[in-house]
Amino acid sequence: LWQPPRPPSGEFTLLAADIGQGNAVLVQTAHHALLYDSGPRYGLDSDAGNRVLVPLLQAQGVRLDRLVLSHRDSDHTGGAAAVVRALHPPKVLTSVDAAEPLARLAPLTRCEAGQRWEWDGVQFAFLHPGVADYPAAGARPVKPNALSCVLRISNGRSSVLLTGDIERAQEAALLRQPEALRADVLLVPHHGSKTSSSEAFIDAVSPRWALVQSGYRNRYGHPAALVVERYRARDFALVDSPHCGAMHWASTHPDALACERELQAHYWQHHPP
């Protein structure tokens, strides 16, 4: 089976999988791979893990080094069980509490701002949540979106910002370190919900590419029209999965983004307006 070439040392690639309403992004360096979120659950016996991600990763010969589950919502963790059972990532980083059922899948390591590591000349750093953002024992629970693990990936020339479902309050907190937000590729917060993508945040990131992973005709109306307009008014290229399918980007060619629906068009595909 043909397998795509891995990027050279010091470079990295991104694949935003076509999994419907949810997030699942594969990042690869020369010798390592990370999956950010695992997509939604579709039904009792079907999820993005067993339907899309496991077949995709196995077909590409990916050995998964880390799985990041940004927060506990099912459109981000729905495929986690299938991914863990099939690919056995040695480390799972997440804001999900150790008391949650997900913790039975594998040992969980909390994502915290300041955590960083390097693979093959590419730097990975969590920007959110901070230690103080997690609720203390016995305290009122925090909305899961507010604890989304925000991950920045950079090789010093190109960068990617993966944001989970952060909302305006978390964006405002991140704006305290604007130099860390600039990115060529932004995974648009909360699938383009009107609760996120504040103008100040968009301006700080200034992405070449703003990627929306959302379901075709989803019931939430993602991405919201006013959010789409905010990006387009700034001439940032906003691309969503219903139009593009899986999205491919590489740090070696930061100005280019490839859409799977164009690379492998099928006559039965509907073209959304």
C-alpha atoms as a PDB file:
ATOM      1  CA  LEU A   1       0.000   0.000   0.000  1.00  0.00           C
ATOM      2  CA  TRP A   2       1.374   3.424  -1.002  1.00  0.00           C
ATOM      3  CA  GLN A   3       2.280   5.626   1.925  1.00  0.00           C
ATOM      4  CA  PRO A   4       2.862   9.386   1.634  1.00  0.00           C
ATOM      5  CA  PRO A   5       6.428  10.540   2.301  1.00  0.00           C
ATOM      6  CA  ARG A   6       7.196  11.953   5.728  1.00  0.00           C
ATOM      7  CA  PRO A   7       8.382  15.563   5.928  1.00  0.00           C
ATOM      8  CA  PRO A   8      12.123  16.244   6.146  1.00  0.00           C
ATOM      9  CA  SER A   9      13.744  17.075   9.468  1.00  0.00           C
ATOM     10  CA  GLY A  10      12.710  20.532  10.665  1.00  0.00           C
ATOM     11  CA  GLU A  11       9.408  20.447   8.759  1.00  0.00           C
ATOM     12  CA  PHE A  12       5.912  19.161   9.551  1.00  0.00           C
ATOM     13  CA  THR A  13       2.592  18.386   7.912  1.00  0.00           C
ATOM     14  CA  LEU A  14      -1.030  18.751   8.955  1.00  0.00           C
ATOM     15  CA  LEU A  15      -4.043  16.699   7.911  1.00  0.00           C
ATOM     16  CA  ALA A  16      -7.445  17.879   9.138  1.00  0.00           C
ATOM     17  CA  ALA A  17      -9.522  14.736   8.665  1.00  0.00           C
ATOM     18  CA  ASP A  18     -13.003  14.784   7.146  1.00  0.00           C
ATOM     19  CA  ILE A  19     -14.902  13.437  10.147  1.00  0.00           C
ATOM     20  CA  GLY A  20     -18.048  15.573  10.211  1.00  0.00           C
ATOM     21  CA  GLN A  21     -18.972  17.729  13.202  1.00  0.00           C
ATOM     22  CA  GLY A  22     -15.882  17.522  15.391  1.00  0.00           C
ATOM     23  CA  ASN A  23     -12.109  17.895  15.423  1.00  0.00           C
ATOM     24  CA  ALA A  24      -9.396  15.436  14.419  1.00  0.00           C
ATOM     25  CA  VAL A  25      -6.043  16.755  13.172  1.00  0.00           C
ATOM     26  CA  LEU A  26      -2.961  14.663  12.414  1.00  0.00           C
ATOM     27  CA  VAL A  27       0.421  16.398  12.709  1.00  0.00           C
ATOM     28  CA  GLN A  28       3.555  14.608  11.496  1.00  0.00           C
ATOM     29  CA  THR A  29       7.249  15.424  11.725  1.00  0.00           C
ATOM     30  CA  ALA A  30      10.080  13.421  10.185  1.00  0.00           C
ATOM     31  CA  HIS A  31       9.827  10.604  12.741  1.00  0.00           C
ATOM     32  CA  HIS A  32       6.842  11.367  14.990  1.00  0.00           C
ATOM     33  CA  ALA A  33       3.072  11.759  14.826  1.00  0.00           C
ATOM     34  CA  LEU A  34       0.445  13.427  17.011  1.00  0.00           C
ATOM     35  CA  LEU A  35      -3.338  13.264  16.737  1.00  0.00           C
ATOM     36  CA  TYR A  36      -5.216  16.267  18.101  1.00  0.00           C
ATOM     37  CA  ASP A  37      -8.728  15.109  19.031  1.00  0.00           C
ATOM     38  CA  SER A  38     -10.493  12.019  17.769  1.00  0.00           C
ATOM     39  CA  GLY A  39     -13.690  13.262  16.161  1.00  0.00           C
ATOM     40  CA  PRO A  40     -17.324  12.532  17.046  1.00  0.00           C
ATOM     41  CA  ARG A  41     -19.365   9.497  17.934  1.00  0.00           C
ATOM     42  CA  TYR A  42     -21.921   8.789  15.208  1.00  0.00           C
ATOM     43  CA  GLY A  43     -23.950   6.111  17.010  1.00  0.00           C
ATOM     44  CA  LEU A  44     -23.741   3.251  19.499  1.00  0.00           C
ATOM     45  CA  ASP A  45     -21.405   1.212  17.296  1.00  0.00           C
ATOM     46  CA  SER A  46     -19.931   3.856  15.035  1.00  0.00           C
ATOM     47  CA  ASP A  47     -17.526   6.721  15.579  1.00  0.00           C
ATOM     48  CA  ALA A  48     -14.845   8.717  13.785  1.00  0.00           C
ATOM     49  CA  GLY A  49     -12.176   6.462  15.253  1.00  0.00           C
ATOM     50  CA  ASN A  50     -13.299   3.161  13.788  1.00  0.00           C
ATOM     51  CA  ARG A  51     -14.881   4.644  10.642  1.00  0.00           C
ATOM     52  CA  VAL A  52     -12.215   7.166   9.590  1.00  0.00           C
ATOM     53  CA  LEU A  53      -9.158   7.664  11.775  1.00  0.00           C
ATOM     54  CA  VAL A  54      -7.947   4.122  12.443  1.00  0.00           C
ATOM     55  CA  PRO A  55      -8.269   3.046   8.776  1.00  0.00           C
ATOM     56  CA  LEU A  56      -6.610   6.292   7.663  1.00  0.00           C
ATOM     57  CA  LEU A  57      -3.684   6.095  10.068  1.00  0.00           C
ATOM     58  CA  GLN A  58      -3.099   2.405   9.466  1.00  0.00           C
ATOM     59  CA  ALA A  59      -3.213   2.866   5.684  1.00  0.00           C
ATOM     60  CA  GLN A  60      -0.590   5.601   5.967  1.00  0.00           C
ATOM     61  CA  GLY A  61       1.602   3.530   8.262  1.00  0.00           C
ATOM     62  CA  VAL A  62       1.382   6.081  11.070  1.00  0.00           C
ATOM     63  CA  ARG A  63       2.779   5.130  14.464  1.00  0.00           C
ATOM     64  CA  LEU A  64       1.043   7.459  16.876  1.00  0.00           C
ATOM     65  CA  ASP A  65       3.347   8.941  19.524  1.00  0.00           C
ATOM     66  CA  ARG A  66       0.808  11.177  21.269  1.00  0.00           C
ATOM     67  CA  LEU A  67      -2.917  11.672  21.385  1.00  0.00           C
ATOM     68  CA  VAL A  68      -4.252  15.029  22.552  1.00  0.00           C
ATOM     69  CA  LEU A  69      -7.909  15.167  23.605  1.00  0.00           C
ATOM     70  CA  SER A  70      -8.562  18.876  23.936  1.00  0.00           C
ATOM     71  CA  HIS A  71     -11.576  18.492  26.243  1.00  0.00           C
ATOM     72  CA  ARG A  72     -14.263  15.984  27.101  1.00  0.00           C
ATOM     73  CA  ASP A  73     -17.007  16.888  24.574  1.00  0.00           C
ATOM     74  CA  SER A  74     -17.999  13.861  22.522  1.00  0.00           C
ATOM     75  CA  ASP A  75     -17.312  15.527  19.167  1.00  0.00           C
ATOM     76  CA  HIS A  76     -13.660  15.668  20.222  1.00  0.00           C
ATOM     77  CA  THR A  77     -13.344  12.366  22.097  1.00  0.00           C
ATOM     78  CA  GLY A  78     -15.866  10.153  20.277  1.00  0.00           C
ATOM     79  CA  GLY A  79     -13.218   8.162  18.414  1.00  0.00           C
ATOM     80  CA  ALA A  80     -10.708   7.978  21.258  1.00  0.00           C
ATOM     81  CA  ALA A  81     -11.445   4.410  22.347  1.00  0.00           C
ATOM     82  CA  ALA A  82     -10.960   3.022  18.840  1.00  0.00           C
ATOM     83  CA  VAL A  83      -7.755   5.020  18.332  1.00  0.00           C
ATOM     84  CA  VAL A  84      -6.250   3.941  21.651  1.00  0.00           C
ATOM     85  CA  ARG A  85      -7.132   0.270  21.175  1.00  0.00           C
ATOM     86  CA  ALA A  86      -5.794   0.109  17.622  1.00  0.00           C
ATOM     87  CA  LEU A  87      -2.761   2.406  17.764  1.00  0.00           C
ATOM     88  CA  HIS A  88      -1.695   2.345  21.441  1.00  0.00           C
ATOM     89  CA  PRO A  89      -0.328   5.895  21.718  1.00  0.00           C
ATOM     90  CA  PRO A  90       2.186   5.887  24.600  1.00  0.00           C
ATOM     91  CA  LYS A  91       0.960   9.247  25.911  1.00  0.00           C
ATOM     92  CA  VAL A  92      -2.506  10.831  26.084  1.00  0.00           C
ATOM     93  CA  LEU A  93      -2.577  14.535  26.958  1.00  0.00           C
ATOM     94  CA  THR A  94      -5.906  16.103  27.874  1.00  0.00           C
ATOM     95  CA  SER A  95      -7.920  18.400  30.116  1.00  0.00           C
ATOM     96  CA  VAL A  96     -10.320  15.522  30.826  1.00  0.00           C
ATOM     97  CA  ASP A  97     -10.521  14.746  34.535  1.00  0.00           C
ATOM     98  CA  ALA A  98      -8.992  11.469  35.673  1.00  0.00           C
ATOM     99  CA  ALA A  99     -12.367  10.513  37.173  1.00  0.00           C
ATOM    100  CA  GLU A 100     -14.042  10.538  33.740  1.00  0.00           C
ATOM    101  CA  PRO A 101     -14.714   7.212  31.949  1.00  0.00           C
ATOM    102  CA  LEU A 102     -12.127   8.186  29.316  1.00  0.00           C
ATOM    103  CA  ALA A 103      -9.427   7.630  31.924  1.00  0.00           C
ATOM    104  CA  ARG A 104     -10.115   3.894  31.749  1.00  0.00           C
ATOM    105  CA  LEU A 105      -8.770   3.836  28.183  1.00  0.00           C
ATOM    106  CA  ALA A 106      -5.229   4.854  29.063  1.00  0.00           C
ATOM    107  CA  PRO A 107      -3.301   6.851  31.667  1.00  0.00           C
ATOM    108  CA  LEU A 108      -4.069  10.536  31.140  1.00  0.00           C
ATOM    109  CA  THR A 109      -1.580  13.388  31.470  1.00  0.00           C
ATOM    110  CA  ARG A 110      -3.023  16.826  32.069  1.00  0.00           C
ATOM    111  CA  CYS A 111      -2.280  19.439  29.395  1.00  0.00           C
ATOM    112  CA  GLU A 112      -1.007  22.665  30.957  1.00  0.00           C
ATOM    113  CA  ALA A 113       0.294  25.945  29.582  1.00  0.00           C
ATOM    114  CA  GLY A 114       4.077  25.878  29.566  1.00  0.00           C
ATOM    115  CA  GLN A 115       4.434  22.211  28.648  1.00  0.00           C
ATOM    116  CA  ARG A 116       6.648  21.899  25.597  1.00  0.00           C
ATOM    117  CA  TRP A 117       8.686  19.377  23.667  1.00  0.00           C
ATOM    118  CA  GLU A 118      10.591  19.093  20.392  1.00  0.00           C
ATOM    119  CA  TRP A 119      10.415  16.454  17.683  1.00  0.00           C
ATOM    120  CA  ASP A 120      12.798  16.475  14.733  1.00  0.00           C
ATOM    121  CA  GLY A 121      13.440  20.220  14.957  1.00  0.00           C
ATOM    122  CA  VAL A 122       9.748  21.115  15.417  1.00  0.00           C
ATOM    123  CA  GLN A 123       8.540  22.681  18.677  1.00  0.00           C
ATOM    124  CA  PHE A 124       5.231  21.840  20.365  1.00  0.00           C
ATOM    125  CA  ALA A 125       3.873  24.015  23.198  1.00  0.00           C
ATOM    126  CA  PHE A 126       0.616  24.164  25.139  1.00  0.00           C
ATOM    127  CA  LEU A 127      -0.657  27.719  25.648  1.00  0.00           C
ATOM    128  CA  HIS A 128      -3.839  26.877  27.589  1.00  0.00           C
ATOM    129  CA  PRO A 129      -5.202  25.958  30.111  1.00  0.00           C
ATOM    130  CA  GLY A 130      -2.991  27.185  32.906  1.00  0.00           C
ATOM    131  CA  VAL A 131      -2.706  25.322  36.190  1.00  0.00           C
ATOM    132  CA  ALA A 132      -5.020  27.872  37.839  1.00  0.00           C
ATOM    133  CA  ASP A 133      -7.708  27.315  35.195  1.00  0.00           C
ATOM    134  CA  TYR A 134      -8.435  23.813  36.469  1.00  0.00           C
ATOM    135  CA  PRO A 135     -11.025  23.697  39.279  1.00  0.00           C
ATOM    136  CA  ALA A 136      -9.819  22.755  42.730  1.00  0.00           C
ATOM    137  CA  ALA A 137     -11.178  19.620  44.374  1.00  0.00           C
ATOM    138  CA  GLY A 138     -14.764  20.212  45.448  1.00  0.00           C
ATOM    139  CA  ALA A 139     -15.077  23.449  43.479  1.00  0.00           C
ATOM    140  CA  ARG A 140     -17.823  24.143  40.965  1.00  0.00           C
ATOM    141  CA  PRO A 141     -17.092  22.385  37.652  1.00  0.00           C
ATOM    142  CA  VAL A 142     -15.687  24.464  34.806  1.00  0.00           C
ATOM    143  CA  LYS A 143     -17.312  24.398  31.377  1.00  0.00           C
ATOM    144  CA  PRO A 144     -15.324  21.847  29.308  1.00  0.00           C
ATOM    145  CA  ASN A 145     -14.834  24.289  26.409  1.00  0.00           C
ATOM    146  CA  ALA A 146     -12.974  26.641  28.746  1.00  0.00           C
ATOM    147  CA  LEU A 147     -10.390  23.939  29.460  1.00  0.00           C
ATOM    148  CA  SER A 148      -9.614  23.115  25.825  1.00  0.00           C
ATOM    149  CA  CYS A 149      -5.945  22.279  25.315  1.00  0.00           C
ATOM    150  CA  VAL A 150      -4.513  24.914  22.958  1.00  0.00           C
ATOM    151  CA  LEU A 151      -1.441  23.618  21.131  1.00  0.00           C
ATOM    152  CA  ARG A 152       1.047  25.658  19.102  1.00  0.00           C
ATOM    153  CA  ILE A 153       3.370  23.906  16.650  1.00  0.00           C
ATOM    154  CA  SER A 154       6.270  25.740  15.008  1.00  0.00           C
ATOM    155  CA  ASN A 155       9.580  25.194  13.267  1.00  0.00           C
ATOM    156  CA  GLY A 156      10.598  28.849  13.549  1.00  0.00           C
ATOM    157  CA  ARG A 157       9.406  29.626  10.020  1.00  0.00           C
ATOM    158  CA  SER A 158       5.852  28.276   9.908  1.00  0.00           C
ATOM    159  CA  SER A 159       3.362  27.625  12.683  1.00  0.00           C
ATOM    160  CA  VAL A 160      -0.024  26.092  13.451  1.00  0.00           C
ATOM    161  CA  LEU A 161      -2.456  26.895  16.277  1.00  0.00           C
ATOM    162  CA  LEU A 162      -4.930  24.203  17.385  1.00  0.00           C
ATOM    163  CA  THR A 163      -7.602  25.635  19.658  1.00  0.00           C
ATOM    164  CA  GLY A 164     -10.314  23.097  20.488  1.00  0.00           C
ATOM    165  CA  ASP A 165     -13.518  24.817  21.613  1.00  0.00           C
ATOM    166  CA  ILE A 166     -12.115  27.877  23.377  1.00  0.00           C
ATOM    167  CA  GLU A 167     -14.485  30.827  23.576  1.00  0.00           C
ATOM    168  CA  ARG A 168     -14.037  34.578  23.883  1.00  0.00           C
ATOM    169  CA  ALA A 169     -12.919  34.520  27.536  1.00  0.00           C
ATOM    170  CA  GLN A 170     -10.111  32.076  26.783  1.00  0.00           C
ATOM    171  CA  GLU A 171      -9.162  34.030  23.657  1.00  0.00           C
ATOM    172  CA  ALA A 172      -8.867  37.164  25.798  1.00  0.00           C
ATOM    173  CA  ALA A 173      -6.564  35.345  28.220  1.00  0.00           C
ATOM    174  CA  LEU A 174      -4.384  34.135  25.348  1.00  0.00           C
ATOM    175  CA  LEU A 175      -4.089  37.689  24.053  1.00  0.00           C
ATOM    176  CA  ARG A 176      -1.836  38.425  27.020  1.00  0.00           C
ATOM    177  CA  GLN A 177       0.889  36.654  25.018  1.00  0.00           C
ATOM    178  CA  PRO A 178       0.124  37.831  21.463  1.00  0.00           C
ATOM    179  CA  GLU A 179       3.559  36.888  20.153  1.00  0.00           C
ATOM    180  CA  ALA A 180       2.696  33.217  20.738  1.00  0.00           C
ATOM    181  CA  LEU A 181      -0.529  33.377  18.732  1.00  0.00           C
ATOM    182  CA  ARG A 182       0.720  34.289  15.259  1.00  0.00           C
ATOM    183  CA  ALA A 183       0.195  31.279  13.000  1.00  0.00           C
ATOM    184  CA  ASP A 184       0.046  30.323   9.340  1.00  0.00           C
ATOM    185  CA  VAL A 185      -2.763  27.862  10.048  1.00  0.00           C
ATOM    186  CA  LEU A 186      -5.512  28.295  12.638  1.00  0.00           C
ATOM    187  CA  LEU A 187      -7.963  25.589  13.572  1.00  0.00           C
ATOM    188  CA  VAL A 188     -10.896  27.968  13.986  1.00  0.00           C
ATOM    189  CA  PRO A 189     -12.106  27.851  17.609  1.00  0.00           C
ATOM    190  CA  HIS A 190     -15.295  25.909  18.342  1.00  0.00           C
ATOM    191  CA  HIS A 191     -15.940  25.037  14.682  1.00  0.00           C
ATOM    192  CA  GLY A 192     -16.701  28.676  13.861  1.00  0.00           C
ATOM    193  CA  SER A 193     -19.261  29.217  16.626  1.00  0.00           C
ATOM    194  CA  LYS A 194     -20.399  32.790  17.263  1.00  0.00           C
ATOM    195  CA  THR A 195     -19.112  32.364  20.845  1.00  0.00           C
ATOM    196  CA  SER A 196     -15.521  32.421  19.557  1.00  0.00           C
ATOM    197  CA  SER A 197     -13.234  34.069  16.973  1.00  0.00           C
ATOM    198  CA  SER A 198     -13.253  37.542  18.504  1.00  0.00           C
ATOM    199  CA  GLU A 199     -11.835  40.228  16.241  1.00  0.00           C
ATOM    200  CA  ALA A 200      -8.853  40.828  18.532  1.00  0.00           C
ATOM    201  CA  PHE A 201      -7.997  37.127  18.531  1.00  0.00           C
ATOM    202  CA  ILE A 202      -8.257  36.817  14.754  1.00  0.00           C
ATOM    203  CA  ASP A 203      -6.043  39.880  14.335  1.00  0.00           C
ATOM    204  CA  ALA A 204      -3.417  38.478  16.706  1.00  0.00           C
ATOM    205  CA  VAL A 205      -3.266  35.133  14.906  1.00  0.00           C
ATOM    206  CA  SER A 206      -3.498  36.602  11.373  1.00  0.00           C
ATOM    207  CA  PRO A 207      -3.647  33.165   9.736  1.00  0.00           C
ATOM    208  CA  ARG A 208      -3.025  32.478   6.069  1.00  0.00           C
ATOM    209  CA  TRP A 209      -5.461  29.589   6.461  1.00  0.00           C
ATOM    210  CA  ALA A 210      -8.419  29.364   8.862  1.00  0.00           C
ATOM    211  CA  LEU A 211      -9.701  25.781   8.961  1.00  0.00           C
ATOM    212  CA  VAL A 212     -13.223  24.883  10.084  1.00  0.00           C
ATOM    213  CA  GLN A 213     -13.981  21.246  10.853  1.00  0.00           C
ATOM    214  CA  SER A 214     -17.768  21.061  10.840  1.00  0.00           C
ATOM    215  CA  GLY A 215     -20.549  18.762   9.700  1.00  0.00           C
ATOM    216  CA  TYR A 216     -22.445  19.266   6.456  1.00  0.00           C
ATOM    217  CA  ARG A 217     -25.662  21.152   7.296  1.00  0.00           C
ATOM    218  CA  ASN A 218     -24.929  20.707  11.011  1.00  0.00           C
ATOM    219  CA  ARG A 219     -27.660  21.673  13.480  1.00  0.00           C
ATOM    220  CA  TYR A 220     -25.461  24.288  15.184  1.00  0.00           C
ATOM    221  CA  GLY A 221     -25.099  26.464  12.096  1.00  0.00           C
ATOM    222  CA  HIS A 222     -21.292  26.210  12.214  1.00  0.00           C
ATOM    223  CA  PRO A 223     -19.531  28.188  10.977  1.00  0.00           C
ATOM    224  CA  ALA A 224     -21.682  31.181  11.923  1.00  0.00           C
ATOM    225  CA  ALA A 225     -22.138  33.710   9.118  1.00  0.00           C
ATOM    226  CA  LEU A 226     -20.788  36.586  11.207  1.00  0.00           C
ATOM    227  CA  VAL A 227     -17.650  34.580  12.011  1.00  0.00           C
ATOM    228  CA  VAL A 228     -17.104  33.739   8.348  1.00  0.00           C
ATOM    229  CA  GLU A 229     -17.403  37.431   7.539  1.00  0.00           C
ATOM    230  CA  ARG A 230     -14.809  38.375  10.187  1.00  0.00           C
ATOM    231  CA  TYR A 231     -12.180  36.196   8.550  1.00  0.00           C
ATOM    232  CA  ARG A 232     -13.077  37.108   4.983  1.00  0.00           C
ATOM    233  CA  ALA A 233     -13.129  40.834   5.763  1.00  0.00           C
ATOM    234  CA  ARG A 234      -9.453  40.457   6.634  1.00  0.00           C
ATOM    235  CA  ASP A 235      -8.697  38.442   3.479  1.00  0.00           C
ATOM    236  CA  PHE A 236      -7.834  35.335   5.496  1.00  0.00           C
ATOM    237  CA  ALA A 237      -8.661  32.157   3.594  1.00  0.00           C
ATOM    238  CA  LEU A 238     -11.404  30.334   5.500  1.00  0.00           C
ATOM    239  CA  VAL A 239     -11.857  26.721   4.407  1.00  0.00           C
ATOM    240  CA  ASP A 240     -14.433  24.296   5.809  1.00  0.00           C
ATOM    241  CA  SER A 241     -14.616  20.519   5.592  1.00  0.00           C
ATOM    242  CA  PRO A 242     -18.045  20.291   3.871  1.00  0.00           C
ATOM    243  CA  HIS A 243     -16.527  22.109   0.874  1.00  0.00           C
ATOM    244  CA  CYS A 244     -12.945  20.839   1.111  1.00  0.00           C
ATOM    245  CA  GLY A 245     -13.125  17.392   2.649  1.00  0.00           C
ATOM    246  CA  ALA A 246      -9.866  16.488   4.350  1.00  0.00           C
ATOM    247  CA  MET A 247      -7.418  19.402   4.360  1.00  0.00           C
ATOM    248  CA  HIS A 248      -3.691  18.929   3.696  1.00  0.00           C
ATOM    249  CA  TRP A 249      -1.017  21.504   4.592  1.00  0.00           C
ATOM    250  CA  ALA A 250       2.788  21.347   4.823  1.00  0.00           C
ATOM    251  CA  SER A 251       5.273  23.746   6.393  1.00  0.00           C
ATOM    252  CA  THR A 252       7.457  23.405   3.294  1.00  0.00           C
ATOM    253  CA  HIS A 253       4.729  25.156   1.267  1.00  0.00           C
ATOM    254  CA  PRO A 254       2.873  27.345   3.790  1.00  0.00           C
ATOM    255  CA  ASP A 255       0.983  29.279   1.100  1.00  0.00           C
ATOM    256  CA  ALA A 256      -0.705  26.133  -0.253  1.00  0.00           C
ATOM    257  CA  LEU A 257      -3.603  24.072   1.066  1.00  0.00           C
ATOM    258  CA  ALA A 258      -4.941  20.976  -0.703  1.00  0.00           C
ATOM    259  CA  CYS A 259      -8.555  19.793  -0.491  1.00  0.00           C
ATOM    260  CA  GLU A 260      -9.244  16.067  -0.724  1.00  0.00           C
ATOM    261  CA  ARG A 261     -12.546  16.714  -2.524  1.00  0.00           C
ATOM    262  CA  GLU A 262     -10.521  18.326  -5.323  1.00  0.00           C
ATOM    263  CA  LEU A 263      -7.656  15.829  -5.286  1.00  0.00           C
ATOM    264  CA  GLN A 264     -10.047  12.880  -5.546  1.00  0.00           C
ATOM    265  CA  ALA A 265     -13.383  14.161  -6.813  1.00  0.00           C
ATOM    266  CA  HIS A 266     -16.281  11.706  -7.114  1.00  0.00           C
ATOM    267  CA  TYR A 267     -19.385  12.164  -9.230  1.00  0.00           C
ATOM    268  CA  TRP A 268     -21.710  11.469  -6.310  1.00  0.00           C
ATOM    269  CA  GLN A 269     -20.385  14.305  -4.168  1.00  0.00           C
ATOM    270  CA  HIS A 270     -22.765  17.176  -3.521  1.00  0.00           C
ATOM    271  CA  HIS A 271     -21.225  20.623  -3.776  1.00  0.00           C
ATOM    272  CA  PRO A 272     -22.508  22.835  -0.946  1.00  0.00           C
ATOM    273  CA  PRO A 273     -23.384  26.423  -1.915  1.00  0.00           C
END
